[in-house]
Amino acid sequence: METAVAKHTDDAGAKMGMWLFLFTEMLFFGGMFLLYAVYSTKYSADFSGASAELNMIIGACNTVILITSSFTAALSLSEIKKGALRSASASLGITALLGIIFLIIKYTEWSAKIGHGIYPGSAYFNDISHGKVLFYSLYFVMTGIHALHVLIGILVFAVILFMIYGGSIHEGDFIKLENAALYWHFVDIAWIYLFPLLYLLR
């Protein structure tokens, strides 16, 4: 007679691995923030002037969107712990949708800047001060890298949704969703730092 073998999971190890990964991400973003701090101090007037050219309302809308998406991600985790798979899936779907809306808004903002000739290597960069060139270069790099993290999070959520429907993620095994939500909270926090640095430096 065959004996059923219980599936072994190392939730503590998986969570520790995610925290270590996020620590490396914090070092990465921290390096960019440090670089921004150095240049913004050296070229404070240019950075303030360039920041005033960004649309603060767009930045604020994206901030609200990401904060809301962090709430729905946490709600999804809470629901799956209770065995409410349908509502957990719905909350996770809303989280992914909000992430897509964030990217659409960011794409629209980037398109407007590029349409006005404001992008690294453009002729516009030859006619503005060095401080403004540094600001816009950091703006495109920092928001671009952040947008890539948002895209990765959306793709991860899509995979997790399929896993929930497939039954491999449930109230007894939800570490993948927990780690994905943790990653998403980090992406949200990174934007909360980016928003005032780029849009509120008046």
N, C-alpha and C. Protein backbone atom coordinates (compact mmCIF):
# COMPACT_ATOMS: atom_id res chain seq x y z
N MET A 1 0.85 -1.20 0.00
CA MET A 1 0.00 0.00 0.00
C MET A 1 0.89 1.25 0.00
N GLU A 2 0.64 2.17 -0.94
CA GLU A 2 1.47 3.36 -1.04
C GLU A 2 1.06 4.39 -0.01
N THR A 3 2.04 5.06 0.53
CA THR A 3 1.79 6.10 1.53
C THR A 3 1.95 7.45 0.87
N ALA A 4 0.97 8.33 1.07
CA ALA A 4 1.03 9.66 0.47
C ALA A 4 2.18 10.44 1.11
N VAL A 5 2.95 11.09 0.27
CA VAL A 5 4.07 11.88 0.76
C VAL A 5 3.65 13.34 0.82
N ALA A 6 3.80 13.92 1.99
CA ALA A 6 3.41 15.31 2.17
C ALA A 6 4.37 16.21 1.40
N LYS A 7 3.83 17.23 0.78
CA LYS A 7 4.65 18.16 0.03
C LYS A 7 5.45 19.02 0.99
N HIS A 8 6.76 19.04 0.78
CA HIS A 8 7.64 19.82 1.65
C HIS A 8 7.73 21.26 1.14
N THR A 9 7.51 22.19 2.03
CA THR A 9 7.68 23.60 1.66
C THR A 9 8.57 24.27 2.69
N ASP A 10 9.37 25.19 2.24
CA ASP A 10 10.25 25.94 3.13
C ASP A 10 9.85 27.41 3.03
N ASP A 11 8.74 27.74 3.68
CA ASP A 11 8.22 29.10 3.59
C ASP A 11 9.19 30.11 4.19
N ALA A 12 9.83 29.75 5.30
CA ALA A 12 10.77 30.66 5.95
C ALA A 12 11.96 30.94 5.03
N GLY A 13 12.45 29.90 4.36
CA GLY A 13 13.56 30.08 3.43
C GLY A 13 13.17 30.92 2.23
N ALA A 14 11.94 30.68 1.71
CA ALA A 14 11.46 31.45 0.56
C ALA A 14 11.31 32.92 0.92
N LYS A 15 10.79 33.17 2.11
CA LYS A 15 10.61 34.56 2.54
C LYS A 15 11.96 35.24 2.77
N MET A 16 12.90 34.51 3.37
CA MET A 16 14.24 35.06 3.58
C MET A 16 14.91 35.37 2.25
N GLY A 17 14.72 34.47 1.27
CA GLY A 17 15.28 34.71 -0.06
C GLY A 17 14.72 35.98 -0.68
N MET A 18 13.41 36.21 -0.50
CA MET A 18 12.80 37.41 -1.05
C MET A 18 13.34 38.67 -0.37
N TRP A 19 13.51 38.59 0.97
CA TRP A 19 14.06 39.74 1.69
C TRP A 19 15.48 40.06 1.24
N LEU A 20 16.28 39.01 0.98
CA LEU A 20 17.64 39.22 0.50
C LEU A 20 17.63 39.87 -0.89
N PHE A 21 16.71 39.40 -1.73
CA PHE A 21 16.57 40.00 -3.06
C PHE A 21 16.18 41.47 -2.95
N LEU A 22 15.22 41.77 -2.08
CA LEU A 22 14.77 43.16 -1.92
C LEU A 22 15.88 44.02 -1.33
N PHE A 23 16.74 43.42 -0.52
CA PHE A 23 17.87 44.17 0.03
C PHE A 23 18.81 44.62 -1.09
N THR A 24 19.06 43.73 -2.05
CA THR A 24 19.90 44.11 -3.19
C THR A 24 19.22 45.19 -4.03
N GLU A 25 17.89 45.10 -4.13
CA GLU A 25 17.14 46.13 -4.86
C GLU A 25 17.23 47.48 -4.15
N MET A 26 17.17 47.45 -2.82
CA MET A 26 17.29 48.68 -2.04
C MET A 26 18.66 49.32 -2.24
N LEU A 27 19.70 48.49 -2.31
CA LEU A 27 21.04 49.02 -2.58
C LEU A 27 21.10 49.65 -3.96
N PHE A 28 20.45 49.00 -4.93
CA PHE A 28 20.45 49.50 -6.30
C PHE A 28 19.75 50.85 -6.40
N PHE A 29 18.52 50.92 -5.87
CA PHE A 29 17.78 52.19 -5.90
C PHE A 29 18.45 53.22 -5.00
N GLY A 30 19.01 52.75 -3.88
CA GLY A 30 19.69 53.67 -2.97
C GLY A 30 20.86 54.36 -3.64
N GLY A 31 21.57 53.62 -4.51
CA GLY A 31 22.67 54.22 -5.26
C GLY A 31 22.19 55.34 -6.17
N MET A 32 21.05 55.11 -6.82
CA MET A 32 20.49 56.14 -7.70
C MET A 32 20.01 57.35 -6.89
N PHE A 33 19.40 57.09 -5.74
CA PHE A 33 18.94 58.19 -4.90
C PHE A 33 20.13 59.02 -4.39
N LEU A 34 21.22 58.32 -4.07
CA LEU A 34 22.42 59.03 -3.60
C LEU A 34 22.99 59.89 -4.72
N LEU A 35 23.04 59.34 -5.92
CA LEU A 35 23.52 60.11 -7.08
C LEU A 35 22.65 61.33 -7.31
N TYR A 36 21.35 61.14 -7.20
CA TYR A 36 20.41 62.25 -7.37
C TYR A 36 20.66 63.32 -6.30
N ALA A 37 20.87 62.89 -5.06
CA ALA A 37 21.09 63.84 -3.96
C ALA A 37 22.34 64.68 -4.19
N VAL A 38 23.39 64.04 -4.67
CA VAL A 38 24.64 64.77 -4.92
C VAL A 38 24.45 65.82 -6.01
N TYR A 39 23.86 65.42 -7.13
CA TYR A 39 23.69 66.35 -8.25
C TYR A 39 22.65 67.42 -7.95
N SER A 40 21.59 67.06 -7.23
CA SER A 40 20.55 68.06 -6.92
C SER A 40 21.08 69.12 -5.96
N THR A 41 22.04 68.75 -5.14
CA THR A 41 22.68 69.72 -4.24
C THR A 41 23.60 70.64 -5.03
N LYS A 42 24.32 70.06 -5.99
CA LYS A 42 25.28 70.83 -6.78
C LYS A 42 24.57 71.75 -7.78
N TYR A 43 23.47 71.27 -8.35
CA TYR A 43 22.74 72.05 -9.36
C TYR A 43 21.29 72.27 -8.88
N SER A 44 21.15 72.81 -7.71
CA SER A 44 19.83 72.95 -7.09
C SER A 44 18.87 73.78 -7.93
N ALA A 45 19.33 74.89 -8.48
CA ALA A 45 18.44 75.76 -9.27
C ALA A 45 17.99 75.05 -10.55
N ASP A 46 18.91 74.38 -11.23
CA ASP A 46 18.56 73.67 -12.46
C ASP A 46 17.59 72.51 -12.18
N PHE A 47 17.83 71.78 -11.10
CA PHE A 47 16.96 70.67 -10.75
C PHE A 47 15.56 71.16 -10.40
N SER A 48 15.48 72.29 -9.67
CA SER A 48 14.17 72.85 -9.32
C SER A 48 13.43 73.31 -10.56
N GLY A 49 14.16 73.95 -11.48
CA GLY A 49 13.53 74.42 -12.71
C GLY A 49 13.04 73.29 -13.58
N ALA A 50 13.83 72.22 -13.69
CA ALA A 50 13.42 71.07 -14.50
C ALA A 50 12.26 70.34 -13.85
N SER A 51 12.28 70.23 -12.53
CA SER A 51 11.18 69.57 -11.81
C SER A 51 9.86 70.30 -12.04
N ALA A 52 9.93 71.64 -12.10
CA ALA A 52 8.72 72.43 -12.31
C ALA A 52 8.12 72.19 -13.69
N GLU A 53 8.92 71.66 -14.61
CA GLU A 53 8.42 71.36 -15.96
C GLU A 53 7.69 70.03 -16.04
N LEU A 54 7.79 69.21 -15.00
CA LEU A 54 7.05 67.95 -14.96
C LEU A 54 5.64 68.20 -14.47
N ASN A 55 4.73 67.33 -14.89
CA ASN A 55 3.32 67.46 -14.51
C ASN A 55 3.09 66.82 -13.15
N MET A 56 2.93 67.66 -12.13
CA MET A 56 2.77 67.17 -10.76
C MET A 56 1.48 66.37 -10.60
N ILE A 57 0.43 66.73 -11.34
CA ILE A 57 -0.85 66.02 -11.23
C ILE A 57 -0.70 64.58 -11.72
N ILE A 58 0.03 64.40 -12.82
CA ILE A 58 0.27 63.05 -13.33
C ILE A 58 1.04 62.23 -12.31
N GLY A 59 2.07 62.83 -11.73
CA GLY A 59 2.84 62.13 -10.71
C GLY A 59 2.00 61.77 -9.50
N ALA A 60 1.12 62.69 -9.10
CA ALA A 60 0.26 62.44 -7.94
C ALA A 60 -0.75 61.33 -8.24
N CYS A 61 -1.30 61.34 -9.45
CA CYS A 61 -2.25 60.29 -9.83
C CYS A 61 -1.59 58.92 -9.79
N ASN A 62 -0.38 58.84 -10.31
CA ASN A 62 0.33 57.56 -10.30
C ASN A 62 0.66 57.13 -8.88
N THR A 63 0.91 58.09 -8.01
CA THR A 63 1.17 57.76 -6.60
C THR A 63 -0.07 57.15 -5.96
N VAL A 64 -1.22 57.77 -6.18
CA VAL A 64 -2.48 57.24 -5.63
C VAL A 64 -2.77 55.85 -6.19
N ILE A 65 -2.50 55.67 -7.48
CA ILE A 65 -2.75 54.37 -8.12
C ILE A 65 -1.90 53.28 -7.48
N LEU A 66 -0.62 53.55 -7.26
CA LEU A 66 0.25 52.53 -6.69
C LEU A 66 -0.07 52.26 -5.23
N ILE A 67 -0.41 53.30 -4.47
CA ILE A 67 -0.79 53.09 -3.07
C ILE A 67 -2.05 52.22 -3.00
N THR A 68 -3.01 52.49 -3.87
CA THR A 68 -4.23 51.69 -3.92
C THR A 68 -3.93 50.25 -4.31
N SER A 69 -3.00 50.07 -5.25
CA SER A 69 -2.65 48.72 -5.69
C SER A 69 -1.95 47.94 -4.59
N SER A 70 -1.21 48.61 -3.74
CA SER A 70 -0.58 47.93 -2.59
C SER A 70 -1.66 47.43 -1.63
N PHE A 71 -2.71 48.24 -1.47
CA PHE A 71 -3.83 47.83 -0.60
C PHE A 71 -4.53 46.60 -1.17
N THR A 72 -4.78 46.59 -2.48
CA THR A 72 -5.47 45.43 -3.08
C THR A 72 -4.58 44.19 -3.07
N ALA A 73 -3.26 44.38 -3.17
CA ALA A 73 -2.35 43.24 -3.07
C ALA A 73 -2.40 42.64 -1.67
N ALA A 74 -2.41 43.50 -0.66
CA ALA A 74 -2.51 43.03 0.73
C ALA A 74 -3.86 42.37 0.97
N LEU A 75 -4.90 42.93 0.36
CA LEU A 75 -6.24 42.35 0.50
C LEU A 75 -6.30 40.96 -0.13
N SER A 76 -5.64 40.78 -1.27
CA SER A 76 -5.60 39.48 -1.92
C SER A 76 -4.95 38.44 -1.02
N LEU A 77 -3.86 38.81 -0.38
CA LEU A 77 -3.17 37.89 0.53
C LEU A 77 -4.05 37.56 1.73
N SER A 78 -4.73 38.56 2.26
CA SER A 78 -5.62 38.34 3.39
C SER A 78 -6.77 37.39 3.02
N GLU A 79 -7.32 37.57 1.82
CA GLU A 79 -8.44 36.74 1.38
C GLU A 79 -8.02 35.29 1.15
N ILE A 80 -6.83 35.10 0.59
CA ILE A 80 -6.41 33.72 0.30
C ILE A 80 -6.11 32.97 1.59
N LYS A 81 -5.66 33.68 2.60
CA LYS A 81 -5.43 33.05 3.90
C LYS A 81 -6.73 32.52 4.51
N LYS A 82 -7.84 33.15 4.13
CA LYS A 82 -9.15 32.73 4.62
C LYS A 82 -9.80 31.69 3.70
N GLY A 83 -9.11 31.35 2.61
CA GLY A 83 -9.65 30.38 1.68
C GLY A 83 -10.60 30.97 0.66
N ALA A 84 -10.71 32.29 0.63
CA ALA A 84 -11.61 32.96 -0.33
C ALA A 84 -10.85 33.18 -1.64
N LEU A 85 -10.73 32.12 -2.43
CA LEU A 85 -9.91 32.17 -3.63
C LEU A 85 -10.46 33.12 -4.68
N ARG A 86 -11.76 33.18 -4.79
CA ARG A 86 -12.36 34.04 -5.81
C ARG A 86 -12.09 35.52 -5.52
N SER A 87 -12.32 35.93 -4.28
CA SER A 87 -12.08 37.34 -3.94
C SER A 87 -10.58 37.66 -3.94
N ALA A 88 -9.76 36.66 -3.59
CA ALA A 88 -8.31 36.86 -3.64
C ALA A 88 -7.87 37.09 -5.08
N SER A 89 -8.42 36.31 -5.99
CA SER A 89 -8.10 36.46 -7.41
C SER A 89 -8.57 37.81 -7.94
N ALA A 90 -9.76 38.23 -7.50
CA ALA A 90 -10.30 39.51 -7.95
C ALA A 90 -9.42 40.66 -7.48
N SER A 91 -9.01 40.61 -6.22
CA SER A 91 -8.14 41.66 -5.68
C SER A 91 -6.80 41.70 -6.39
N LEU A 92 -6.28 40.51 -6.69
CA LEU A 92 -4.99 40.45 -7.40
C LEU A 92 -5.14 40.96 -8.83
N GLY A 93 -6.27 40.65 -9.45
CA GLY A 93 -6.52 41.16 -10.80
C GLY A 93 -6.61 42.67 -10.82
N ILE A 94 -7.24 43.24 -9.80
CA ILE A 94 -7.33 44.71 -9.69
C ILE A 94 -5.94 45.31 -9.51
N THR A 95 -5.11 44.63 -8.71
CA THR A 95 -3.74 45.10 -8.50
C THR A 95 -2.99 45.16 -9.82
N ALA A 96 -3.08 44.08 -10.61
CA ALA A 96 -2.40 44.05 -11.91
C ALA A 96 -2.97 45.12 -12.85
N LEU A 97 -4.28 45.32 -12.81
CA LEU A 97 -4.91 46.33 -13.66
C LEU A 97 -4.43 47.73 -13.30
N LEU A 98 -4.32 48.00 -12.00
CA LEU A 98 -3.82 49.31 -11.56
C LEU A 98 -2.36 49.50 -12.01
N GLY A 99 -1.59 48.43 -11.98
CA GLY A 99 -0.22 48.51 -12.47
C GLY A 99 -0.18 48.84 -13.95
N ILE A 100 -1.09 48.25 -14.72
CA ILE A 100 -1.16 48.55 -16.16
C ILE A 100 -1.55 50.01 -16.39
N ILE A 101 -2.50 50.50 -15.60
CA ILE A 101 -2.90 51.91 -15.71
C ILE A 101 -1.72 52.83 -15.40
N PHE A 102 -0.95 52.45 -14.37
CA PHE A 102 0.24 53.22 -14.03
C PHE A 102 1.19 53.31 -15.23
N LEU A 103 1.42 52.18 -15.88
CA LEU A 103 2.33 52.15 -17.03
C LEU A 103 1.79 52.95 -18.21
N ILE A 104 0.48 52.90 -18.41
CA ILE A 104 -0.12 53.68 -19.50
C ILE A 104 0.07 55.17 -19.27
N ILE A 105 -0.15 55.59 -18.03
CA ILE A 105 0.05 57.01 -17.69
C ILE A 105 1.51 57.40 -17.86
N LYS A 106 2.40 56.52 -17.40
CA LYS A 106 3.83 56.82 -17.54
C LYS A 106 4.23 56.87 -19.02
N TYR A 107 3.68 55.97 -19.83
CA TYR A 107 3.96 55.98 -21.27
C TYR A 107 3.48 57.29 -21.90
N THR A 108 2.29 57.75 -21.48
CA THR A 108 1.74 59.01 -22.00
C THR A 108 2.64 60.18 -21.62
N GLU A 109 3.12 60.17 -20.39
CA GLU A 109 4.00 61.24 -19.93
C GLU A 109 5.32 61.24 -20.69
N TRP A 110 5.90 60.06 -20.83
CA TRP A 110 7.15 59.94 -21.59
C TRP A 110 6.95 60.38 -23.05
N SER A 111 5.84 59.97 -23.64
CA SER A 111 5.56 60.32 -25.04
C SER A 111 5.48 61.83 -25.23
N ALA A 112 4.86 62.50 -24.25
CA ALA A 112 4.75 63.96 -24.33
C ALA A 112 6.13 64.60 -24.27
N LYS A 113 6.98 64.12 -23.39
CA LYS A 113 8.33 64.67 -23.27
C LYS A 113 9.13 64.41 -24.55
N ILE A 114 9.07 63.19 -25.03
CA ILE A 114 9.81 62.84 -26.24
C ILE A 114 9.28 63.62 -27.44
N GLY A 115 7.94 63.82 -27.47
CA GLY A 115 7.34 64.59 -28.55
C GLY A 115 7.82 66.02 -28.58
N HIS A 116 8.21 66.55 -27.42
CA HIS A 116 8.75 67.91 -27.35
C HIS A 116 10.28 67.91 -27.48
N GLY A 117 10.83 66.75 -27.84
CA GLY A 117 12.27 66.67 -28.06
C GLY A 117 13.08 66.56 -26.79
N ILE A 118 12.42 66.23 -25.67
CA ILE A 118 13.12 66.13 -24.40
C ILE A 118 13.42 64.66 -24.11
N TYR A 119 14.62 64.25 -24.45
CA TYR A 119 15.08 62.90 -24.17
C TYR A 119 16.60 62.88 -24.34
N PRO A 120 17.27 61.96 -23.65
CA PRO A 120 18.74 61.91 -23.73
C PRO A 120 19.24 61.79 -25.16
N GLY A 121 20.20 62.64 -25.50
CA GLY A 121 20.78 62.62 -26.83
C GLY A 121 20.08 63.52 -27.84
N SER A 122 19.01 64.19 -27.43
CA SER A 122 18.26 65.04 -28.35
C SER A 122 18.96 66.39 -28.51
N ALA A 123 18.53 67.12 -29.53
CA ALA A 123 19.08 68.46 -29.76
C ALA A 123 18.75 69.40 -28.61
N TYR A 124 17.61 69.15 -27.99
CA TYR A 124 17.18 69.98 -26.84
C TYR A 124 18.23 69.94 -25.73
N PHE A 125 18.84 68.78 -25.56
CA PHE A 125 19.84 68.63 -24.49
C PHE A 125 21.09 69.47 -24.77
N ASN A 126 21.29 69.85 -26.02
CA ASN A 126 22.46 70.68 -26.35
C ASN A 126 22.23 72.14 -26.01
N ASP A 127 20.96 72.51 -25.80
CA ASP A 127 20.63 73.92 -25.58
C ASP A 127 20.28 74.26 -24.14
N ILE A 128 20.29 73.28 -23.26
CA ILE A 128 19.94 73.54 -21.86
C ILE A 128 21.17 73.37 -20.98
N SER A 129 21.03 73.81 -19.72
CA SER A 129 22.17 73.76 -18.81
C SER A 129 22.53 72.32 -18.45
N HIS A 130 23.76 72.16 -17.98
CA HIS A 130 24.24 70.82 -17.61
C HIS A 130 23.40 70.22 -16.48
N GLY A 131 22.97 71.08 -15.56
CA GLY A 131 22.15 70.61 -14.44
C GLY A 131 20.84 70.02 -14.91
N LYS A 132 20.20 70.67 -15.89
CA LYS A 132 18.93 70.17 -16.43
C LYS A 132 19.15 68.87 -17.20
N VAL A 133 20.26 68.78 -17.90
CA VAL A 133 20.58 67.53 -18.61
C VAL A 133 20.68 66.38 -17.61
N LEU A 134 21.35 66.63 -16.49
CA LEU A 134 21.49 65.61 -15.46
C LEU A 134 20.13 65.24 -14.87
N PHE A 135 19.28 66.25 -14.63
CA PHE A 135 17.96 65.97 -14.06
C PHE A 135 17.14 65.08 -14.98
N TYR A 136 17.05 65.46 -16.25
CA TYR A 136 16.23 64.68 -17.17
C TYR A 136 16.82 63.31 -17.44
N SER A 137 18.14 63.21 -17.43
CA SER A 137 18.78 61.89 -17.59
C SER A 137 18.40 60.99 -16.43
N LEU A 138 18.48 61.52 -15.22
CA LEU A 138 18.10 60.74 -14.04
C LEU A 138 16.60 60.43 -14.05
N TYR A 139 15.81 61.39 -14.51
CA TYR A 139 14.36 61.19 -14.60
C TYR A 139 14.02 59.99 -15.48
N PHE A 140 14.61 59.95 -16.68
CA PHE A 140 14.31 58.85 -17.59
C PHE A 140 14.87 57.52 -17.08
N VAL A 141 16.06 57.54 -16.52
CA VAL A 141 16.66 56.30 -16.02
C VAL A 141 15.88 55.77 -14.82
N MET A 142 15.60 56.63 -13.85
CA MET A 142 14.96 56.19 -12.61
C MET A 142 13.52 55.76 -12.84
N THR A 143 12.77 56.55 -13.60
CA THR A 143 11.38 56.17 -13.85
C THR A 143 11.30 54.97 -14.81
N GLY A 144 12.28 54.87 -15.72
CA GLY A 144 12.31 53.73 -16.63
C GLY A 144 12.58 52.43 -15.90
N ILE A 145 13.56 52.45 -15.01
CA ILE A 145 13.87 51.25 -14.22
C ILE A 145 12.70 50.89 -13.31
N HIS A 146 12.07 51.90 -12.73
CA HIS A 146 10.91 51.63 -11.89
C HIS A 146 9.77 51.03 -12.70
N ALA A 147 9.53 51.58 -13.90
CA ALA A 147 8.47 51.05 -14.77
C ALA A 147 8.74 49.59 -15.13
N LEU A 148 10.01 49.25 -15.33
CA LEU A 148 10.37 47.86 -15.61
C LEU A 148 10.01 46.96 -14.42
N HIS A 149 10.24 47.45 -13.21
CA HIS A 149 9.87 46.69 -12.02
C HIS A 149 8.35 46.51 -11.93
N VAL A 150 7.62 47.55 -12.31
CA VAL A 150 6.15 47.44 -12.30
C VAL A 150 5.71 46.39 -13.31
N LEU A 151 6.30 46.40 -14.50
CA LEU A 151 5.96 45.42 -15.53
C LEU A 151 6.24 43.99 -15.05
N ILE A 152 7.39 43.80 -14.42
CA ILE A 152 7.73 42.47 -13.89
C ILE A 152 6.70 42.04 -12.86
N GLY A 153 6.30 42.96 -11.98
CA GLY A 153 5.29 42.64 -10.97
C GLY A 153 3.97 42.22 -11.60
N ILE A 154 3.56 42.92 -12.66
CA ILE A 154 2.30 42.58 -13.34
C ILE A 154 2.39 41.17 -13.92
N LEU A 155 3.50 40.84 -14.55
CA LEU A 155 3.68 39.51 -15.13
C LEU A 155 3.68 38.43 -14.05
N VAL A 156 4.30 38.71 -12.93
CA VAL A 156 4.31 37.76 -11.81
C VAL A 156 2.89 37.53 -11.30
N PHE A 157 2.12 38.61 -11.17
CA PHE A 157 0.74 38.49 -10.71
C PHE A 157 -0.10 37.66 -11.68
N ALA A 158 0.16 37.83 -12.98
CA ALA A 158 -0.57 37.05 -13.98
C ALA A 158 -0.28 35.56 -13.81
N VAL A 159 0.98 35.21 -13.57
CA VAL A 159 1.35 33.80 -13.34
C VAL A 159 0.67 33.28 -12.07
N ILE A 160 0.67 34.10 -11.02
CA ILE A 160 0.07 33.67 -9.76
C ILE A 160 -1.43 33.47 -9.91
N LEU A 161 -2.08 34.30 -10.71
CA LEU A 161 -3.51 34.12 -10.95
C LEU A 161 -3.78 32.75 -11.57
N PHE A 162 -2.97 32.36 -12.55
CA PHE A 162 -3.11 31.04 -13.16
C PHE A 162 -2.87 29.94 -12.13
N MET A 163 -1.94 30.16 -11.22
CA MET A 163 -1.63 29.17 -10.20
C MET A 163 -2.78 29.04 -9.18
N ILE A 164 -3.43 30.16 -8.90
CA ILE A 164 -4.59 30.10 -8.01
C ILE A 164 -5.71 29.31 -8.67
N TYR A 165 -5.98 29.61 -9.94
CA TYR A 165 -7.02 28.88 -10.67
C TYR A 165 -6.66 27.40 -10.82
N GLY A 166 -5.36 27.12 -10.92
CA GLY A 166 -4.91 25.74 -11.04
C GLY A 166 -4.87 24.98 -9.73
N GLY A 167 -5.05 25.71 -8.63
CA GLY A 167 -5.10 25.06 -7.33
C GLY A 167 -3.77 24.90 -6.62
N SER A 168 -2.68 25.39 -7.23
CA SER A 168 -1.37 25.22 -6.58
C SER A 168 -1.10 26.31 -5.54
N ILE A 169 -1.88 27.39 -5.57
CA ILE A 169 -1.81 28.42 -4.53
C ILE A 169 -3.17 28.48 -3.86
N HIS A 170 -3.17 28.29 -2.55
CA HIS A 170 -4.43 28.24 -1.78
C HIS A 170 -4.13 28.62 -0.35
N GLU A 171 -5.12 28.47 0.54
CA GLU A 171 -4.95 28.89 1.93
C GLU A 171 -3.87 28.11 2.67
N GLY A 172 -3.50 26.95 2.16
CA GLY A 172 -2.46 26.15 2.80
C GLY A 172 -1.08 26.36 2.21
N ASP A 173 -1.00 27.05 1.10
CA ASP A 173 0.28 27.28 0.43
C ASP A 173 0.18 28.58 -0.38
N PHE A 174 0.56 29.68 0.25
CA PHE A 174 0.41 30.99 -0.39
C PHE A 174 1.70 31.81 -0.36
N ILE A 175 2.83 31.16 -0.12
CA ILE A 175 4.09 31.90 0.01
C ILE A 175 4.45 32.64 -1.27
N LYS A 176 4.11 32.09 -2.43
CA LYS A 176 4.43 32.77 -3.69
C LYS A 176 3.66 34.08 -3.80
N LEU A 177 2.41 34.06 -3.41
CA LEU A 177 1.61 35.28 -3.42
C LEU A 177 2.15 36.27 -2.38
N GLU A 178 2.52 35.76 -1.23
CA GLU A 178 3.04 36.63 -0.17
C GLU A 178 4.33 37.33 -0.63
N ASN A 179 5.21 36.59 -1.27
CA ASN A 179 6.45 37.19 -1.76
C ASN A 179 6.19 38.18 -2.89
N ALA A 180 5.23 37.85 -3.76
CA ALA A 180 4.89 38.77 -4.84
C ALA A 180 4.32 40.08 -4.29
N ALA A 181 3.47 39.97 -3.27
CA ALA A 181 2.91 41.16 -2.64
C ALA A 181 4.01 41.98 -1.97
N LEU A 182 4.96 41.30 -1.35
CA LEU A 182 6.09 41.98 -0.71
C LEU A 182 6.91 42.75 -1.74
N TYR A 183 7.15 42.12 -2.88
CA TYR A 183 7.87 42.78 -3.97
C TYR A 183 7.09 44.02 -4.44
N TRP A 184 5.77 43.88 -4.56
CA TRP A 184 4.95 44.99 -5.04
C TRP A 184 4.97 46.15 -4.05
N HIS A 185 4.98 45.85 -2.75
CA HIS A 185 5.07 46.92 -1.75
C HIS A 185 6.38 47.67 -1.89
N PHE A 186 7.46 46.94 -2.20
CA PHE A 186 8.75 47.59 -2.41
C PHE A 186 8.68 48.54 -3.61
N VAL A 187 8.06 48.08 -4.69
CA VAL A 187 7.91 48.91 -5.89
C VAL A 187 7.12 50.17 -5.55
N ASP A 188 6.10 50.03 -4.74
CA ASP A 188 5.29 51.16 -4.30
C ASP A 188 6.13 52.14 -3.48
N ILE A 189 6.90 51.62 -2.53
CA ILE A 189 7.73 52.48 -1.68
C ILE A 189 8.77 53.22 -2.51
N ALA A 190 9.36 52.53 -3.50
CA ALA A 190 10.35 53.18 -4.37
C ALA A 190 9.73 54.38 -5.08
N TRP A 191 8.48 54.22 -5.54
CA TRP A 191 7.82 55.34 -6.22
C TRP A 191 7.50 56.46 -5.26
N ILE A 192 7.15 56.14 -4.02
CA ILE A 192 6.86 57.17 -3.02
C ILE A 192 8.08 58.06 -2.79
N TYR A 193 9.27 57.49 -2.95
CA TYR A 193 10.49 58.29 -2.88
C TYR A 193 10.73 59.06 -4.18
N LEU A 194 10.44 58.42 -5.31
CA LEU A 194 10.68 59.07 -6.60
C LEU A 194 9.76 60.26 -6.83
N PHE A 195 8.53 60.15 -6.39
CA PHE A 195 7.54 61.20 -6.65
C PHE A 195 7.99 62.57 -6.12
N PRO A 196 8.32 62.69 -4.82
CA PRO A 196 8.74 64.03 -4.35
C PRO A 196 10.08 64.47 -4.94
N LEU A 197 10.99 63.53 -5.16
CA LEU A 197 12.30 63.89 -5.70
C LEU A 197 12.19 64.49 -7.09
N LEU A 198 11.31 63.92 -7.91
CA LEU A 198 11.22 64.36 -9.30
C LEU A 198 10.15 65.42 -9.53
N TYR A 199 9.02 65.31 -8.84
CA TYR A 199 7.87 66.16 -9.17
C TYR A 199 7.64 67.32 -8.19
N LEU A 200 8.18 67.26 -7.00
CA LEU A 200 7.88 68.27 -5.99
C LEU A 200 9.08 69.14 -5.63
N LEU A 201 10.14 69.02 -6.42
CA LEU A 201 11.36 69.80 -6.15
C LEU A 201 11.20 71.19 -6.75
N ARG A 202 10.47 72.04 -6.06
CA ARG A 202 10.19 73.39 -6.57
C ARG A 202 11.10 74.42 -5.89
